[in-house]
Protein backbone atom coordinates (compact mmCIF):
# COMPACT_ATOMS: atom_id res chain seq x y z
CA MET A 1 -14.08 -21.68 -39.43
CA LYS A 2 -17.08 -20.06 -36.60
CA THR A 3 -15.60 -22.09 -33.78
CA ARG A 4 -12.35 -20.65 -34.21
CA ILE A 5 -13.57 -17.34 -34.23
CA LEU A 6 -15.05 -18.45 -30.88
CA LEU A 7 -12.14 -19.13 -29.25
CA ILE A 8 -9.85 -16.56 -30.36
CA LEU A 9 -12.95 -14.18 -29.43
CA MET A 10 -12.81 -16.04 -25.75
CA PHE A 11 -8.55 -15.74 -25.49
CA PHE A 12 -8.63 -12.26 -26.90
CA PRO A 13 -9.12 -10.29 -23.59
CA LEU A 14 -6.35 -12.61 -22.12
CA VAL A 15 -3.87 -10.88 -24.41
CA ALA A 16 -4.74 -7.77 -23.91
CA TYR A 17 -4.68 -7.61 -20.46
CA SER A 18 -1.48 -9.34 -19.86
CA ASP A 19 1.45 -7.28 -18.78
CA GLN A 20 4.04 -7.11 -21.02
CA PRO A 21 7.45 -7.84 -19.81
CA PRO A 22 10.84 -5.66 -18.98
CA ASP A 23 13.32 -4.96 -21.62
CA TRP A 24 16.30 -3.69 -19.87
CA ASP A 25 17.94 -1.56 -22.41
CA ASN A 26 19.76 1.63 -22.06
CA TYR A 27 17.08 4.67 -23.12
CA LYS A 28 16.97 8.25 -23.75
CA VAL A 29 13.60 10.56 -22.45
CA THR A 30 13.66 14.17 -23.74
CA SER A 31 11.58 16.98 -22.53
CA HIS A 32 8.42 18.18 -24.11
CA ASN A 33 10.38 21.33 -25.47
CA GLY A 34 13.32 19.35 -26.78
CA LYS A 35 15.91 21.37 -25.21
CA TRP A 36 17.23 18.71 -23.41
CA ALA A 37 17.88 14.92 -22.67
CA ALA A 38 17.59 12.10 -19.90
CA PHE A 39 20.02 9.35 -20.62
CA LEU A 40 19.65 6.22 -18.59
CA SER A 41 22.22 3.84 -18.84
CA ARG A 42 23.44 0.90 -17.69
CA ASP A 43 27.02 -0.71 -16.51
CA TYR A 44 27.28 -3.95 -16.86
CA ASN A 45 28.40 -5.50 -13.90
CA GLU A 46 30.48 -9.19 -14.14
CA SER A 47 29.08 -10.49 -10.87
CA ALA A 48 25.55 -9.04 -11.95
CA LYS A 49 23.35 -12.31 -12.60
CA TYR A 50 19.98 -9.58 -13.45
CA PRO A 51 19.81 -6.55 -15.42
CA TRP A 52 18.34 -4.78 -12.19
CA GLU A 53 21.79 -6.29 -10.48
CA ASP A 54 23.63 -4.30 -12.37
CA THR A 55 24.33 -0.55 -11.67
CA TRP A 56 22.21 2.24 -13.00
CA THR A 57 22.80 5.79 -14.06
CA LEU A 58 20.23 9.11 -14.79
CA SER A 59 22.15 11.51 -17.04
CA ILE A 60 20.66 14.52 -17.84
CA TYR A 61 22.54 15.95 -20.91
CA LYS A 62 21.63 19.59 -23.65
CA ALA A 63 19.66 17.78 -26.20
CA PHE A 64 21.43 15.36 -28.51
CA GLN A 65 20.01 14.30 -31.69
CA HIS A 66 21.10 10.79 -31.40
CA PRO A 67 19.83 8.01 -29.12
CA VAL A 68 22.80 8.26 -27.28
CA PRO A 69 24.94 10.85 -25.87
CA GLY A 70 28.51 11.93 -28.03
CA PRO A 71 31.35 10.95 -26.19
CA ASN A 72 32.52 14.57 -26.21
CA GLN A 73 29.33 15.26 -24.59
CA VAL A 74 29.15 15.76 -20.90
CA PRO A 75 25.81 15.33 -18.47
CA ILE A 76 24.93 18.83 -16.74
CA TRP A 77 24.11 16.26 -13.20
CA SER A 78 23.89 12.46 -13.19
CA ARG A 79 22.17 10.18 -10.25
CA PRO A 80 22.31 6.12 -9.48
CA TYR A 81 19.70 4.51 -10.67
CA ASP A 82 17.13 1.98 -9.90
CA PRO A 83 15.05 1.23 -13.10
CA SER A 84 11.88 -0.93 -13.11
CA GLY A 85 12.74 -2.05 -16.90
CA TYR A 86 10.63 0.19 -18.46
CA SER A 87 11.69 2.78 -20.69
CA GLU A 88 9.48 5.83 -19.97
CA GLY A 89 10.38 8.71 -17.51
CA TYR A 90 9.31 12.37 -17.90
CA LEU A 91 11.55 15.53 -17.64
CA SER A 92 10.93 18.70 -17.10
CA ASP A 93 11.57 21.59 -19.90
CA ASP A 94 14.34 22.54 -17.52
CA GLY A 95 16.05 19.54 -17.47
CA LYS A 96 16.16 19.67 -13.45
CA ILE A 97 13.76 17.26 -12.26
CA PHE A 98 13.05 13.77 -14.20
CA VAL A 99 10.04 11.77 -12.96
CA TYR A 100 9.35 7.45 -13.08
CA VAL A 101 5.82 6.60 -12.75
CA GLU A 102 5.39 3.03 -12.22
CA TYR A 103 1.98 1.49 -14.00
CA TRP A 104 1.56 -1.10 -11.33
CA PHE A 105 0.65 -0.14 -8.11
CA ARG A 106 2.05 -1.46 -4.69
CA LYS A 107 1.00 0.15 -1.74
CA ASN A 108 4.25 0.12 -0.02
CA TYR A 109 7.21 0.77 -2.67
CA PRO A 110 7.70 3.16 -4.58
CA VAL A 111 5.43 3.87 -7.83
CA VAL A 112 6.48 7.25 -8.16
CA LYS A 113 10.37 8.33 -8.21
CA ILE A 114 11.53 11.58 -8.54
CA PHE A 115 15.21 12.98 -9.49
CA THR A 116 16.91 16.38 -8.40
CA GLU A 117 20.15 17.16 -9.54
CA GLU A 118 19.65 17.04 -5.27
CA CYS A 119 17.89 14.27 -4.07
CA THR A 120 15.93 11.51 -4.90
CA ILE A 121 11.90 11.62 -3.90
CA PHE A 122 9.93 8.21 -3.73
CA LYS A 123 6.43 7.57 -3.12
CA ASN A 124 5.16 4.47 -1.98
CA GLY A 125 2.18 3.87 -3.57
CA GLU A 126 0.08 4.60 0.46
CA PHE A 127 1.16 8.07 -0.08
CA PHE A 128 -1.74 8.35 -3.26
CA ASN A 129 -5.05 7.13 -1.48
CA VAL A 130 -6.27 6.02 -4.54
CA GLY A 131 -8.74 3.34 -2.67
CA ASN A 132 -9.42 -0.54 -3.57
CA ASP A 133 -11.09 0.37 -6.97
CA LEU A 134 -8.08 -0.79 -9.02
CA GLU A 135 -8.13 -1.84 -11.99
CA LYS A 136 -6.47 -5.45 -12.06
CA THR A 137 -4.59 -7.27 -14.97
CA VAL A 138 -3.23 -10.66 -14.76
CA SER A 139 -0.62 -10.42 -12.04
CA HIS A 140 -0.69 -6.17 -11.08
CA GLU A 141 -3.67 -3.85 -10.07
CA LEU A 142 -3.56 -0.55 -12.18
CA TRP A 143 -3.62 2.74 -10.20
CA LEU A 144 -3.76 5.50 -12.98
CA ARG A 145 -6.47 7.42 -14.89
CA ASP A 146 -6.96 5.32 -18.55
CA GLY A 147 -4.37 7.55 -20.84
CA SER A 148 -3.47 9.46 -17.71
CA LYS A 149 -0.83 12.48 -17.75
CA THR A 150 1.93 13.06 -15.96
CA GLU A 151 3.48 16.64 -15.96
CA PHE A 152 5.19 19.08 -13.94
CA VAL A 153 3.35 21.98 -12.68
CA SER A 154 3.87 25.13 -10.58
CA LYS A 155 1.79 26.27 -7.33
CA SER A 156 3.12 29.71 -5.40
CA GLU A 157 6.05 29.25 -7.61
CA LYS A 158 7.09 25.82 -5.94
CA PRO A 159 6.98 22.76 -8.48
CA PHE A 160 5.11 19.94 -8.32
CA VAL A 161 4.43 16.80 -10.39
CA ARG A 162 0.57 16.14 -11.32
CA VAL A 163 -0.22 12.13 -11.97
CA GLU A 164 -3.71 11.05 -12.69
CA THR A 165 -5.13 8.67 -11.17
CA VAL A 166 -8.56 6.35 -11.09
CA ALA A 167 -9.19 8.04 -8.08
CA GLY A 168 -8.62 12.03 -9.41
CA ASP A 169 -5.05 14.14 -9.62
CA ARG A 170 -2.67 13.62 -7.50
CA TYR A 171 0.15 16.36 -6.38
CA ILE A 172 4.16 15.70 -5.51
CA GLU A 173 5.91 18.77 -3.84
CA VAL A 174 9.47 18.94 -5.40
CA THR A 175 11.56 19.53 -2.37
CA CYS A 176 14.28 18.25 -1.09
CA GLU A 177 14.58 18.15 2.51
């Protein structure tokens, strides 16, 4: 009995640090104030072998209560979306900005994706200058502080996204160029 418990305890850290697989489902993100909803939907293409090869769309609506928008609801704005397979994101309280933040650090790949009606802003991991002391998982490196938050803030009346990283807070100006 003691041997079994010891074996379970030995393998528990491996389970705790293993990565969760993506789910590739449509999903909804509601703004903090509950007035806006982002719906990320997959258009199934017959030629696509994998979910990430399908066409995805980010659509912003005045908030709706159901998991999916009703047939008469028209989005306020929409943009093409390149998903990572995880049902997450942040929508500003005015419905103007949607942000997706990757958990896993990649130096030369977008780890923050910002969508507005006018443009899409991608920031690679290199932009954040977080150093080399990243927490390692089975197959990735984590760059966000444990329990981190991503928030919308205003500086000099300009919108910014604040991301809590292992190296401190980082700010991204939401300006279309």
